[in-house]
Amino acid sequence: QAQLVESGGGSVHPGGSLSLSCAASGITFSINDMGWFRQAPGKEREWVATISRLGITNYADSVKGRFTISRDNAKNTIYLQMHSLKPEDTADYYCRRFPSRATQGYWGQGTQVTVSS
């Protein structure tokens, strides 16, 4: 079964760190751009970061300088390292395999991140 599975979510205090992983099974993504999105309660899903198939990264202004996206194609896994977390980072975080000309897109099921004191 093709799927993306996120892990690493949890609860932290403001200023803390978390590292999320997204492992692909049944699919590969070496030719795809990959990304992280998040959805806070009562809000629209928003883009957080993207890493291209060539390793070029882009970040939303709200997380720039605090979050780092990376990928390991050999392990079929992408990561999101999050530092200096703020309460407004609280959300469900989803990984995304963007579609390419030859492959369809996929969403993971999400992992919850809560930042509170």
PDB file of N, CA and C in Angstrom:
ATOM      1  N   GLN A   1       0.846  -1.183   0.000  1.00  0.00           N
ATOM      2  CA  GLN A   1       0.000   0.000   0.000  1.00  0.00           C
ATOM      3  C   GLN A   1       0.884   1.236   0.000  1.00  0.00           C
ATOM      4  N   ALA A   2       0.639   2.132  -0.939  1.00  0.00           N
ATOM      5  CA  ALA A   2       1.437   3.343  -1.020  1.00  0.00           C
ATOM      6  C   ALA A   2       1.002   4.325   0.038  1.00  0.00           C
ATOM      7  N   GLN A   3       1.950   4.815   0.809  1.00  0.00           N
ATOM      8  CA  GLN A   3       1.585   5.785   1.834  1.00  0.00           C
ATOM      9  C   GLN A   3       2.798   6.541   2.335  1.00  0.00           C
ATOM     10  N   LEU A   4       2.513   7.687   2.936  1.00  0.00           N
ATOM     11  CA  LEU A   4       3.494   8.484   3.654  1.00  0.00           C
ATOM     12  C   LEU A   4       3.090   8.469   5.121  1.00  0.00           C
ATOM     13  N   VAL A   5       4.033   8.187   5.992  1.00  0.00           N
ATOM     14  CA  VAL A   5       3.732   8.076   7.412  1.00  0.00           C
ATOM     15  C   VAL A   5       4.618   9.041   8.191  1.00  0.00           C
ATOM     16  N   GLU A   6       3.969  10.018   8.836  1.00  0.00           N
ATOM     17  CA  GLU A   6       4.712  10.974   9.652  1.00  0.00           C
ATOM     18  C   GLU A   6       4.876  10.441  11.072  1.00  0.00           C
ATOM     19  N   SER A   7       5.923  10.885  11.716  1.00  0.00           N
ATOM     20  CA  SER A   7       6.149  10.552  13.120  1.00  0.00           C
ATOM     21  C   SER A   7       6.972  11.662  13.759  1.00  0.00           C
ATOM     22  N   GLY A   8       7.033  11.658  15.083  1.00  0.00           N
ATOM     23  CA  GLY A   8       7.871  12.605  15.800  1.00  0.00           C
ATOM     24  C   GLY A   8       7.124  13.755  16.440  1.00  0.00           C
ATOM     25  N   GLY A   9       5.814  13.829  16.236  1.00  0.00           N
ATOM     26  CA  GLY A   9       5.056  14.885  16.867  1.00  0.00           C
ATOM     27  C   GLY A   9       4.979  14.699  18.372  1.00  0.00           C
ATOM     28  N   GLY A  10       4.494  15.728  19.049  1.00  0.00           N
ATOM     29  CA  GLY A  10       4.375  15.650  20.496  1.00  0.00           C
ATOM     30  C   GLY A  10       4.107  17.014  21.091  1.00  0.00           C
ATOM     31  N   SER A  11       4.302  17.119  22.396  1.00  0.00           N
ATOM     32  CA  SER A  11       4.075  18.366  23.112  1.00  0.00           C
ATOM     33  C   SER A  11       5.393  18.902  23.647  1.00  0.00           C
ATOM     34  N   VAL A  12       5.615  20.195  23.454  1.00  0.00           N
ATOM     35  CA  VAL A  12       6.822  20.839  23.960  1.00  0.00           C
ATOM     36  C   VAL A  12       6.473  22.206  24.507  1.00  0.00           C
ATOM     37  N   HIS A  13       7.369  22.731  25.333  1.00  0.00           N
ATOM     38  CA  HIS A  13       7.222  24.095  25.830  1.00  0.00           C
ATOM     39  C   HIS A  13       7.721  25.078  24.782  1.00  0.00           C
ATOM     40  N   PRO A  14       7.265  26.306  24.851  1.00  0.00           N
ATOM     41  CA  PRO A  14       7.800  27.325  23.941  1.00  0.00           C
ATOM     42  C   PRO A  14       9.317  27.401  24.044  1.00  0.00           C
ATOM     43  N   GLY A  15       9.952  27.532  22.894  1.00  0.00           N
ATOM     44  CA  GLY A  15      11.403  27.533  22.851  1.00  0.00           C
ATOM     45  C   GLY A  15      12.014  26.170  22.648  1.00  0.00           C
ATOM     46  N   GLY A  16      11.201  25.139  22.733  1.00  0.00           N
ATOM     47  CA  GLY A  16      11.693  23.784  22.582  1.00  0.00           C
ATOM     48  C   GLY A  16      11.870  23.374  21.135  1.00  0.00           C
ATOM     49  N   SER A  17      12.266  22.120  20.954  1.00  0.00           N
ATOM     50  CA  SER A  17      12.540  21.580  19.619  1.00  0.00           C
ATOM     51  C   SER A  17      11.848  20.246  19.431  1.00  0.00           C
ATOM     52  N   LEU A  18      11.536  19.957  18.198  1.00  0.00           N
ATOM     53  CA  LEU A  18      11.012  18.656  17.792  1.00  0.00           C
ATOM     54  C   LEU A  18      11.558  18.330  16.423  1.00  0.00           C
ATOM     55  N   SER A  19      11.642  17.034  16.137  1.00  0.00           N
ATOM     56  CA  SER A  19      12.069  16.606  14.819  1.00  0.00           C
ATOM     57  C   SER A  19      11.035  15.653  14.257  1.00  0.00           C
ATOM     58  N   LEU A  20      10.470  16.007  13.133  1.00  0.00           N
ATOM     59  CA  LEU A  20       9.474  15.179  12.470  1.00  0.00           C
ATOM     60  C   LEU A  20      10.122  14.368  11.355  1.00  0.00           C
ATOM     61  N   SER A  21       9.581  13.181  11.121  1.00  0.00           N
ATOM     62  CA  SER A  21      10.008  12.339  10.003  1.00  0.00           C
ATOM     63  C   SER A  21       8.798  11.965   9.177  1.00  0.00           C
ATOM     64  N   CYS A  22       9.043  11.699   7.920  1.00  0.00           N
ATOM     65  CA  CYS A  22       7.988  11.237   7.023  1.00  0.00           C
ATOM     66  C   CYS A  22       8.589  10.135   6.159  1.00  0.00           C
ATOM     67  N   ALA A  23       8.146   8.922   6.392  1.00  0.00           N
ATOM     68  CA  ALA A  23       8.679   7.773   5.674  1.00  0.00           C
ATOM     69  C   ALA A  23       7.680   7.308   4.620  1.00  0.00           C
ATOM     70  N   ALA A  24       8.204   7.054   3.436  1.00  0.00           N
ATOM     71  CA  ALA A  24       7.365   6.568   2.344  1.00  0.00           C
ATOM     72  C   ALA A  24       7.445   5.052   2.273  1.00  0.00           C
ATOM     73  N   SER A  25       6.312   4.437   2.081  1.00  0.00           N
ATOM     74  CA  SER A  25       6.292   2.989   1.842  1.00  0.00           C
ATOM     75  C   SER A  25       5.425   2.719   0.622  1.00  0.00           C
ATOM     76  N   GLY A  26       5.890   1.812  -0.195  1.00  0.00           N
ATOM     77  CA  GLY A  26       5.148   1.490  -1.412  1.00  0.00           C
ATOM     78  C   GLY A  26       5.328   2.494  -2.532  1.00  0.00           C
ATOM     79  N   ILE A  27       6.046   3.570  -2.250  1.00  0.00           N
ATOM     80  CA  ILE A  27       6.333   4.588  -3.250  1.00  0.00           C
ATOM     81  C   ILE A  27       7.730   5.118  -3.010  1.00  0.00           C
ATOM     82  N   THR A  28       8.293   5.730  -4.004  1.00  0.00           N
ATOM     83  CA  THR A  28       9.570   6.425  -3.832  1.00  0.00           C
ATOM     84  C   THR A  28       9.342   7.892  -4.170  1.00  0.00           C
ATOM     85  N   PHE A  29      10.306   8.726  -3.850  1.00  0.00           N
ATOM     86  CA  PHE A  29      10.124  10.141  -4.147  1.00  0.00           C
ATOM     87  C   PHE A  29      11.391  10.818  -4.621  1.00  0.00           C
ATOM     88  N   SER A  30      12.361  10.060  -5.086  1.00  0.00           N
ATOM     89  CA  SER A  30      13.625  10.670  -5.489  1.00  0.00           C
ATOM     90  C   SER A  30      13.444  11.667  -6.629  1.00  0.00           C
ATOM     91  N   ILE A  31      12.385  11.513  -7.428  1.00  0.00           N
ATOM     92  CA  ILE A  31      12.183  12.436  -8.546  1.00  0.00           C
ATOM     93  C   ILE A  31      11.152  13.509  -8.215  1.00  0.00           C
ATOM     94  N   ASN A  32      10.678  13.505  -6.968  1.00  0.00           N
ATOM     95  CA  ASN A  32       9.634  14.448  -6.574  1.00  0.00           C
ATOM     96  C   ASN A  32      10.136  15.514  -5.631  1.00  0.00           C
ATOM     97  N   ASP A  33       9.553  16.698  -5.769  1.00  0.00           N
ATOM     98  CA  ASP A  33       9.681  17.673  -4.696  1.00  0.00           C
ATOM     99  C   ASP A  33       8.852  17.167  -3.519  1.00  0.00           C
ATOM    100  N   MET A  34       9.336  17.436  -2.311  1.00  0.00           N
ATOM    101  CA  MET A  34       8.639  17.020  -1.103  1.00  0.00           C
ATOM    102  C   MET A  34       8.412  18.231  -0.211  1.00  0.00           C
ATOM    103  N   GLY A  35       7.390  18.152   0.622  1.00  0.00           N
ATOM    104  CA  GLY A  35       7.115  19.302   1.460  1.00  0.00           C
ATOM    105  C   GLY A  35       6.426  18.964   2.758  1.00  0.00           C
ATOM    106  N   TRP A  36       6.378  19.958   3.605  1.00  0.00           N
ATOM    107  CA  TRP A  36       5.620  19.889   4.854  1.00  0.00           C
ATOM    108  C   TRP A  36       4.577  20.995   4.850  1.00  0.00           C
ATOM    109  N   PHE A  37       3.390  20.644   5.320  1.00  0.00           N
ATOM    110  CA  PHE A  37       2.295  21.574   5.509  1.00  0.00           C
ATOM    111  C   PHE A  37       1.806  21.426   6.948  1.00  0.00           C
ATOM    112  N   ARG A  38       1.019  22.381   7.390  1.00  0.00           N
ATOM    113  CA  ARG A  38       0.431  22.252   8.714  1.00  0.00           C
ATOM    114  C   ARG A  38      -0.961  22.862   8.729  1.00  0.00           C
ATOM    115  N   GLN A  39      -1.759  22.377   9.659  1.00  0.00           N
ATOM    116  CA  GLN A  39      -3.123  22.886   9.806  1.00  0.00           C
ATOM    117  C   GLN A  39      -3.435  23.037  11.280  1.00  0.00           C
ATOM    118  N   ALA A  40      -3.616  24.278  11.674  1.00  0.00           N
ATOM    119  CA  ALA A  40      -3.984  24.575  13.051  1.00  0.00           C
ATOM    120  C   ALA A  40      -5.499  24.437  13.200  1.00  0.00           C
ATOM    121  N   PRO A  41      -5.972  24.203  14.422  1.00  0.00           N
ATOM    122  CA  PRO A  41      -7.417  24.057  14.639  1.00  0.00           C
ATOM    123  C   PRO A  41      -8.181  25.265  14.115  1.00  0.00           C
ATOM    124  N   GLY A  42      -9.186  25.005  13.306  1.00  0.00           N
ATOM    125  CA  GLY A  42     -10.024  26.077  12.789  1.00  0.00           C
ATOM    126  C   GLY A  42      -9.413  26.898  11.676  1.00  0.00           C
ATOM    127  N   LYS A  43      -8.261  26.477  11.193  1.00  0.00           N
ATOM    128  CA  LYS A  43      -7.592  27.233  10.128  1.00  0.00           C
ATOM    129  C   LYS A  43      -7.362  26.380   8.896  1.00  0.00           C
ATOM    130  N   GLU A  44      -7.039  27.054   7.796  1.00  0.00           N
ATOM    131  CA  GLU A  44      -6.729  26.364   6.548  1.00  0.00           C
ATOM    132  C   GLU A  44      -5.356  25.711   6.653  1.00  0.00           C
ATOM    133  N   ARG A  45      -5.177  24.640   5.883  1.00  0.00           N
ATOM    134  CA  ARG A  45      -3.857  24.032   5.804  1.00  0.00           C
ATOM    135  C   ARG A  45      -2.921  25.012   5.113  1.00  0.00           C
ATOM    136  N   GLU A  46      -1.717  25.158   5.660  1.00  0.00           N
ATOM    137  CA  GLU A  46      -0.762  26.105   5.091  1.00  0.00           C
ATOM    138  C   GLU A  46       0.564  25.419   4.810  1.00  0.00           C
ATOM    139  N   TRP A  47       1.231  25.934   3.820  1.00  0.00           N
ATOM    140  CA  TRP A  47       2.547  25.417   3.428  1.00  0.00           C
ATOM    141  C   TRP A  47       3.596  25.844   4.446  1.00  0.00           C
ATOM    142  N   VAL A  48       4.519  24.945   4.757  1.00  0.00           N
ATOM    143  CA  VAL A  48       5.591  25.235   5.711  1.00  0.00           C
ATOM    144  C   VAL A  48       6.948  25.262   5.008  1.00  0.00           C
ATOM    145  N   ALA A  49       7.263  24.208   4.271  1.00  0.00           N
ATOM    146  CA  ALA A  49       8.587  24.114   3.654  1.00  0.00           C
ATOM    147  C   ALA A  49       8.548  23.129   2.500  1.00  0.00           C
ATOM    148  N   THR A  50       9.443  23.322   1.572  1.00  0.00           N
ATOM    149  CA  THR A  50       9.600  22.426   0.430  1.00  0.00           C
ATOM    150  C   THR A  50      11.068  22.129   0.218  1.00  0.00           C
ATOM    151  N   ILE A  51      11.354  20.898  -0.179  1.00  0.00           N
ATOM    152  CA  ILE A  51      12.692  20.545  -0.639  1.00  0.00           C
ATOM    153  C   ILE A  51      12.538  19.916  -2.012  1.00  0.00           C
ATOM    154  N   SER A  52      13.240  20.488  -2.979  1.00  0.00           N
ATOM    155  CA  SER A  52      13.106  19.980  -4.342  1.00  0.00           C
ATOM    156  C   SER A  52      13.847  18.658  -4.491  1.00  0.00           C
ATOM    157  N   ARG A  53      13.643  18.022  -5.626  1.00  0.00           N
ATOM    158  CA  ARG A  53      14.334  16.751  -5.877  1.00  0.00           C
ATOM    159  C   ARG A  53      15.840  16.967  -5.946  1.00  0.00           C
ATOM    160  N   LEU A  54      16.247  18.211  -6.182  1.00  0.00           N
ATOM    161  CA  LEU A  54      17.671  18.538  -6.225  1.00  0.00           C
ATOM    162  C   LEU A  54      18.194  19.037  -4.878  1.00  0.00           C
ATOM    163  N   GLY A  55      17.317  19.088  -3.882  1.00  0.00           N
ATOM    164  CA  GLY A  55      17.749  19.496  -2.551  1.00  0.00           C
ATOM    165  C   GLY A  55      17.642  20.985  -2.267  1.00  0.00           C
ATOM    166  N   ILE A  56      17.003  21.727  -3.151  1.00  0.00           N
ATOM    167  CA  ILE A  56      16.810  23.160  -2.910  1.00  0.00           C
ATOM    168  C   ILE A  56      15.633  23.339  -1.957  1.00  0.00           C
ATOM    169  N   THR A  57      15.836  24.167  -0.941  1.00  0.00           N
ATOM    170  CA  THR A  57      14.829  24.335   0.100  1.00  0.00           C
ATOM    171  C   THR A  57      14.189  25.719   0.050  1.00  0.00           C
ATOM    172  N   ASN A  58      12.937  25.758   0.470  1.00  0.00           N
ATOM    173  CA  ASN A  58      12.205  27.016   0.617  1.00  0.00           C
ATOM    174  C   ASN A  58      11.332  26.917   1.857  1.00  0.00           C
ATOM    175  N   TYR A  59      11.141  28.050   2.519  1.00  0.00           N
ATOM    176  CA  TYR A  59      10.408  28.069   3.775  1.00  0.00           C
ATOM    177  C   TYR A  59       9.393  29.203   3.810  1.00  0.00           C
ATOM    178  N   ALA A  60       8.300  28.959   4.519  1.00  0.00           N
ATOM    179  CA  ALA A  60       7.373  30.033   4.819  1.00  0.00           C
ATOM    180  C   ALA A  60       8.078  31.035   5.723  1.00  0.00           C
ATOM    181  N   ASP A  61       7.729  32.300   5.577  1.00  0.00           N
ATOM    182  CA  ASP A  61       8.380  33.328   6.389  1.00  0.00           C
ATOM    183  C   ASP A  61       8.218  33.063   7.880  1.00  0.00           C
ATOM    184  N   SER A  62       7.100  32.470   8.251  1.00  0.00           N
ATOM    185  CA  SER A  62       6.811  32.251   9.671  1.00  0.00           C
ATOM    186  C   SER A  62       7.746  31.242  10.328  1.00  0.00           C
ATOM    187  N   VAL A  63       8.430  30.417   9.523  1.00  0.00           N
ATOM    188  CA  VAL A  63       9.305  29.385  10.103  1.00  0.00           C
ATOM    189  C   VAL A  63      10.756  29.544   9.673  1.00  0.00           C
ATOM    190  N   LYS A  64      11.015  30.491   8.784  1.00  0.00           N
ATOM    191  CA  LYS A  64      12.370  30.657   8.256  1.00  0.00           C
ATOM    192  C   LYS A  64      13.345  30.942   9.393  1.00  0.00           C
ATOM    193  N   GLY A  65      14.457  30.240   9.373  1.00  0.00           N
ATOM    194  CA  GLY A  65      15.467  30.415  10.418  1.00  0.00           C
ATOM    195  C   GLY A  65      15.256  29.541  11.640  1.00  0.00           C
ATOM    196  N   ARG A  66      14.074  28.911  11.737  1.00  0.00           N
ATOM    197  CA  ARG A  66      13.792  28.042  12.893  1.00  0.00           C
ATOM    198  C   ARG A  66      13.597  26.586  12.482  1.00  0.00           C
ATOM    199  N   PHE A  67      13.095  26.373  11.275  1.00  0.00           N
ATOM    200  CA  PHE A  67      12.821  25.019  10.776  1.00  0.00           C
ATOM    201  C   PHE A  67      13.806  24.666   9.672  1.00  0.00           C
ATOM    202  N   THR A  68      14.131  23.381   9.587  1.00  0.00           N
ATOM    203  CA  THR A  68      14.998  22.890   8.515  1.00  0.00           C
ATOM    204  C   THR A  68      14.401  21.620   7.924  1.00  0.00           C
ATOM    205  N   ILE A  69      14.207  21.642   6.626  1.00  0.00           N
ATOM    206  CA  ILE A  69      13.709  20.459   5.928  1.00  0.00           C
ATOM    207  C   ILE A  69      14.887  19.762   5.259  1.00  0.00           C
ATOM    208  N   SER A  70      14.850  18.436   5.282  1.00  0.00           N
ATOM    209  CA  SER A  70      15.911  17.663   4.636  1.00  0.00           C
ATOM    210  C   SER A  70      15.319  16.367   4.109  1.00  0.00           C
ATOM    211  N   ARG A  71      16.111  15.680   3.294  1.00  0.00           N
ATOM    212  CA  ARG A  71      15.623  14.432   2.721  1.00  0.00           C
ATOM    213  C   ARG A  71      16.748  13.419   2.628  1.00  0.00           C
ATOM    214  N   ASP A  72      16.379  12.165   2.728  1.00  0.00           N
ATOM    215  CA  ASP A  72      17.309  11.059   2.536  1.00  0.00           C
ATOM    216  C   ASP A  72      16.623  10.111   1.553  1.00  0.00           C
ATOM    217  N   ASN A  73      16.974  10.238   0.296  1.00  0.00           N
ATOM    218  CA  ASN A  73      16.304   9.430  -0.731  1.00  0.00           C
ATOM    219  C   ASN A  73      16.580   7.943  -0.546  1.00  0.00           C
ATOM    220  N   ALA A  74      17.750   7.612  -0.037  1.00  0.00           N
ATOM    221  CA  ALA A  74      18.082   6.198   0.167  1.00  0.00           C
ATOM    222  C   ALA A  74      17.172   5.555   1.208  1.00  0.00           C
ATOM    223  N   LYS A  75      16.716   6.378   2.164  1.00  0.00           N
ATOM    224  CA  LYS A  75      15.824   5.875   3.216  1.00  0.00           C
ATOM    225  C   LYS A  75      14.360   6.193   2.918  1.00  0.00           C
ATOM    226  N   ASN A  76      14.105   6.836   1.777  1.00  0.00           N
ATOM    227  CA  ASN A  76      12.732   7.218   1.425  1.00  0.00           C
ATOM    228  C   ASN A  76      12.081   8.016   2.549  1.00  0.00           C
ATOM    229  N   THR A  77      12.835   8.947   3.113  1.00  0.00           N
ATOM    230  CA  THR A  77      12.372   9.690   4.280  1.00  0.00           C
ATOM    231  C   THR A  77      12.732  11.163   4.145  1.00  0.00           C
ATOM    232  N   ILE A  78      11.804  12.029   4.566  1.00  0.00           N
ATOM    233  CA  ILE A  78      12.126  13.436   4.718  1.00  0.00           C
ATOM    234  C   ILE A  78      11.970  13.817   6.176  1.00  0.00           C
ATOM    235  N   TYR A  79      12.567  14.923   6.536  1.00  0.00           N
ATOM    236  CA  TYR A  79      12.602  15.351   7.930  1.00  0.00           C
ATOM    237  C   TYR A  79      12.234  16.827   8.035  1.00  0.00           C
ATOM    238  N   LEU A  80      11.770  17.200   9.213  1.00  0.00           N
ATOM    239  CA  LEU A  80      11.567  18.604   9.522  1.00  0.00           C
ATOM    240  C   LEU A  80      12.068  18.824  10.937  1.00  0.00           C
ATOM    241  N   GLN A  81      13.199  19.502  11.037  1.00  0.00           N
ATOM    242  CA  GLN A  81      13.728  19.863  12.351  1.00  0.00           C
ATOM    243  C   GLN A  81      13.153  21.222  12.730  1.00  0.00           C
ATOM    244  N   MET A  82      12.581  21.282  13.913  1.00  0.00           N
ATOM    245  CA  MET A  82      11.910  22.502  14.360  1.00  0.00           C
ATOM    246  C   MET A  82      12.541  22.972  15.670  1.00  0.00           C
ATOM    247  N   HIS A  83      13.004  24.201  15.661  1.00  0.00           N
ATOM    248  CA  HIS A  83      13.629  24.796  16.854  1.00  0.00           C
ATOM    249  C   HIS A  83      12.899  26.075  17.222  1.00  0.00           C
ATOM    250  N   SER A  84      13.162  26.545  18.432  1.00  0.00           N
ATOM    251  CA  SER A  84      12.551  27.797  18.919  1.00  0.00           C
ATOM    252  C   SER A  84      11.045  27.797  18.669  1.00  0.00           C
ATOM    253  N   LEU A  85      10.422  26.709  19.040  1.00  0.00           N
ATOM    254  CA  LEU A  85       8.995  26.557  18.760  1.00  0.00           C
ATOM    255  C   LEU A  85       8.163  27.562  19.536  1.00  0.00           C
ATOM    256  N   LYS A  86       7.095  28.006  18.902  1.00  0.00           N
ATOM    257  CA  LYS A  86       6.193  28.992  19.461  1.00  0.00           C
ATOM    258  C   LYS A  86       4.785  28.394  19.574  1.00  0.00           C
ATOM    259  N   PRO A  87       3.950  28.931  20.430  1.00  0.00           N
ATOM    260  CA  PRO A  87       2.574  28.417  20.521  1.00  0.00           C
ATOM    261  C   PRO A  87       1.856  28.434  19.172  1.00  0.00           C
ATOM    262  N   GLU A  88       2.163  29.416  18.352  1.00  0.00           N
ATOM    263  CA  GLU A  88       1.501  29.495  17.038  1.00  0.00           C
ATOM    264  C   GLU A  88       1.967  28.429  16.058  1.00  0.00           C
ATOM    265  N   ASP A  89       2.976  27.638  16.434  1.00  0.00           N
ATOM    266  CA  ASP A  89       3.380  26.491  15.619  1.00  0.00           C
ATOM    267  C   ASP A  89       2.510  25.267  15.899  1.00  0.00           C
ATOM    268  N   THR A  90       1.649  25.362  16.890  1.00  0.00           N
ATOM    269  CA  THR A  90       0.759  24.254  17.205  1.00  0.00           C
ATOM    270  C   THR A  90      -0.147  23.932  16.019  1.00  0.00           C
ATOM    271  N   ALA A  91      -0.104  22.680  15.579  1.00  0.00           N
ATOM    272  CA  ALA A  91      -0.871  22.268  14.398  1.00  0.00           C
ATOM    273  C   ALA A  91      -0.666  20.780  14.154  1.00  0.00           C
ATOM    274  N   ASP A  92      -1.457  20.251  13.256  1.00  0.00           N
ATOM    275  CA  ASP A  92      -1.175  18.934  12.687  1.00  0.00           C
ATOM    276  C   ASP A  92      -0.253  19.164  11.494  1.00  0.00           C
ATOM    277  N   TYR A  93       0.829  18.412  11.446  1.00  0.00           N
ATOM    278  CA  TYR A  93       1.825  18.574  10.383  1.00  0.00           C
ATOM    279  C   TYR A  93       1.709  17.400   9.406  1.00  0.00           C
ATOM    280  N   TYR A  94       1.688  17.748   8.129  1.00  0.00           N
ATOM    281  CA  TYR A  94       1.504  16.764   7.065  1.00  0.00           C
ATOM    282  C   TYR A  94       2.668  16.821   6.083  1.00  0.00           C
ATOM    283  N   CYS A  95       3.136  15.669   5.662  1.00  0.00           N
ATOM    284  CA  CYS A  95       4.124  15.690   4.578  1.00  0.00           C
ATOM    285  C   CYS A  95       3.400  15.451   3.256  1.00  0.00           C
ATOM    286  N   ARG A  96       4.058  15.889   2.223  1.00  0.00           N
ATOM    287  CA  ARG A  96       3.449  15.886   0.898  1.00  0.00           C
ATOM    288  C   ARG A  96       4.473  15.463  -0.133  1.00  0.00           C
ATOM    289  N   ARG A  97       4.124  14.491  -0.961  1.00  0.00           N
ATOM    290  CA  ARG A  97       4.877  14.223  -2.173  1.00  0.00           C
ATOM    291  C   ARG A  97       4.162  14.980  -3.282  1.00  0.00           C
ATOM    292  N   PHE A  98       4.833  15.975  -3.813  1.00  0.00           N
ATOM    293  CA  PHE A  98       4.230  16.734  -4.891  1.00  0.00           C
ATOM    294  C   PHE A  98       4.193  15.871  -6.158  1.00  0.00           C
ATOM    295  N   PRO A  99       3.164  16.053  -6.957  1.00  0.00           N
ATOM    296  CA  PRO A  99       3.112  15.274  -8.201  1.00  0.00           C
ATOM    297  C   PRO A  99       4.199  15.721  -9.164  1.00  0.00           C
ATOM    298  N   SER A 100       4.611  14.792  -9.994  1.00  0.00           N
ATOM    299  CA  SER A 100       5.516  15.122 -11.074  1.00  0.00           C
ATOM    300  C   SER A 100       4.832  14.728 -12.371  1.00  0.00           C
ATOM    301  N   ARG A 101       5.531  14.898 -13.477  1.00  0.00           N
ATOM    302  CA  ARG A 101       4.915  14.526 -14.754  1.00  0.00           C
ATOM    303  C   ARG A 101       4.617  13.035 -14.798  1.00  0.00           C
ATOM    304  N   ALA A 102       5.403  12.245 -14.064  1.00  0.00           N
ATOM    305  CA  ALA A 102       5.253  10.792 -14.149  1.00  0.00           C
ATOM    306  C   ALA A 102       4.600  10.173 -12.925  1.00  0.00           C
ATOM    307  N   THR A 103       4.421  10.945 -11.857  1.00  0.00           N
ATOM    308  CA  THR A 103       3.918  10.370 -10.604  1.00  0.00           C
ATOM    309  C   THR A 103       2.841  11.253  -9.998  1.00  0.00           C
ATOM    310  N   GLN A 104       1.962  10.626  -9.225  1.00  0.00           N
ATOM    311  CA  GLN A 104       0.912  11.400  -8.569  1.00  0.00           C
ATOM    312  C   GLN A 104       1.388  11.909  -7.227  1.00  0.00           C
ATOM    313  N   GLY A 105       0.619  12.834  -6.671  1.00  0.00           N
ATOM    314  CA  GLY A 105       0.951  13.356  -5.360  1.00  0.00           C
ATOM    315  C   GLY A 105       0.357  12.504  -4.261  1.00  0.00           C
ATOM    316  N   TYR A 106       0.944  12.615  -3.068  1.00  0.00           N
ATOM    317  CA  TYR A 106       0.435  11.922  -1.890  1.00  0.00           C
ATOM    318  C   TYR A 106       0.499  12.854  -0.690  1.00  0.00           C
ATOM    319  N   TRP A 107      -0.414  12.610   0.244  1.00  0.00           N
ATOM    320  CA  TRP A 107      -0.398  13.259   1.546  1.00  0.00           C
ATOM    321  C   TRP A 107      -0.194  12.198   2.623  1.00  0.00           C
ATOM    322  N   GLY A 108       0.517  12.571   3.669  1.00  0.00           N
ATOM    323  CA  GLY A 108       0.562  11.724   4.846  1.00  0.00           C
ATOM    324  C   GLY A 108      -0.680  11.941   5.691  1.00  0.00           C
ATOM    325  N   GLN A 109      -0.776  11.171   6.774  1.00  0.00           N
ATOM    326  CA  GLN A 109      -1.973  11.243   7.621  1.00  0.00           C
ATOM    327  C   GLN A 109      -1.852  12.315   8.697  1.00  0.00           C
ATOM    328  N   GLY A 110      -0.663  12.840   8.899  1.00  0.00           N
ATOM    329  CA  GLY A 110      -0.465  13.930   9.846  1.00  0.00           C
ATOM    330  C   GLY A 110       0.063  13.479  11.187  1.00  0.00           C
ATOM    331  N   THR A 111       0.783  14.377  11.836  1.00  0.00           N
ATOM    332  CA  THR A 111       1.269  14.162  13.199  1.00  0.00           C
ATOM    333  C   THR A 111       1.073  15.473  13.962  1.00  0.00           C
ATOM    334  N   GLN A 112       0.630  15.353  15.197  1.00  0.00           N
ATOM    335  CA  GLN A 112       0.246  16.534  15.966  1.00  0.00           C
ATOM    336  C   GLN A 112       1.433  17.126  16.718  1.00  0.00           C
ATOM    337  N   VAL A 113       1.540  18.439  16.633  1.00  0.00           N
ATOM    338  CA  VAL A 113       2.550  19.187  17.381  1.00  0.00           C
ATOM    339  C   VAL A 113       1.833  20.213  18.241  1.00  0.00           C
ATOM    340  N   THR A 114       2.124  20.180  19.541  1.00  0.00           N
ATOM    341  CA  THR A 114       1.525  21.128  20.464  1.00  0.00           C
ATOM    342  C   THR A 114       2.624  21.872  21.199  1.00  0.00           C
ATOM    343  N   VAL A 115       2.552  23.194  21.157  1.00  0.00           N
ATOM    344  CA  VAL A 115       3.540  24.027  21.843  1.00  0.00           C
ATOM    345  C   VAL A 115       2.794  24.871  22.872  1.00  0.00           C
ATOM    346  N   SER A 116       3.017  24.566  24.128  1.00  0.00           N
ATOM    347  CA  SER A 116       2.324  25.310  25.181  1.00  0.00           C
ATOM    348  C   SER A 116       3.125  25.244  26.458  1.00  0.00           C
ATOM    349  N   SER A 117       2.863  26.224  27.319  1.00  0.00           N
ATOM    350  CA  SER A 117       3.546  26.257  28.613  1.00  0.00           C
ATOM    351  C   SER A 117       2.666  25.631  29.685  1.00  0.00           C
TER     352      SER A 117
END
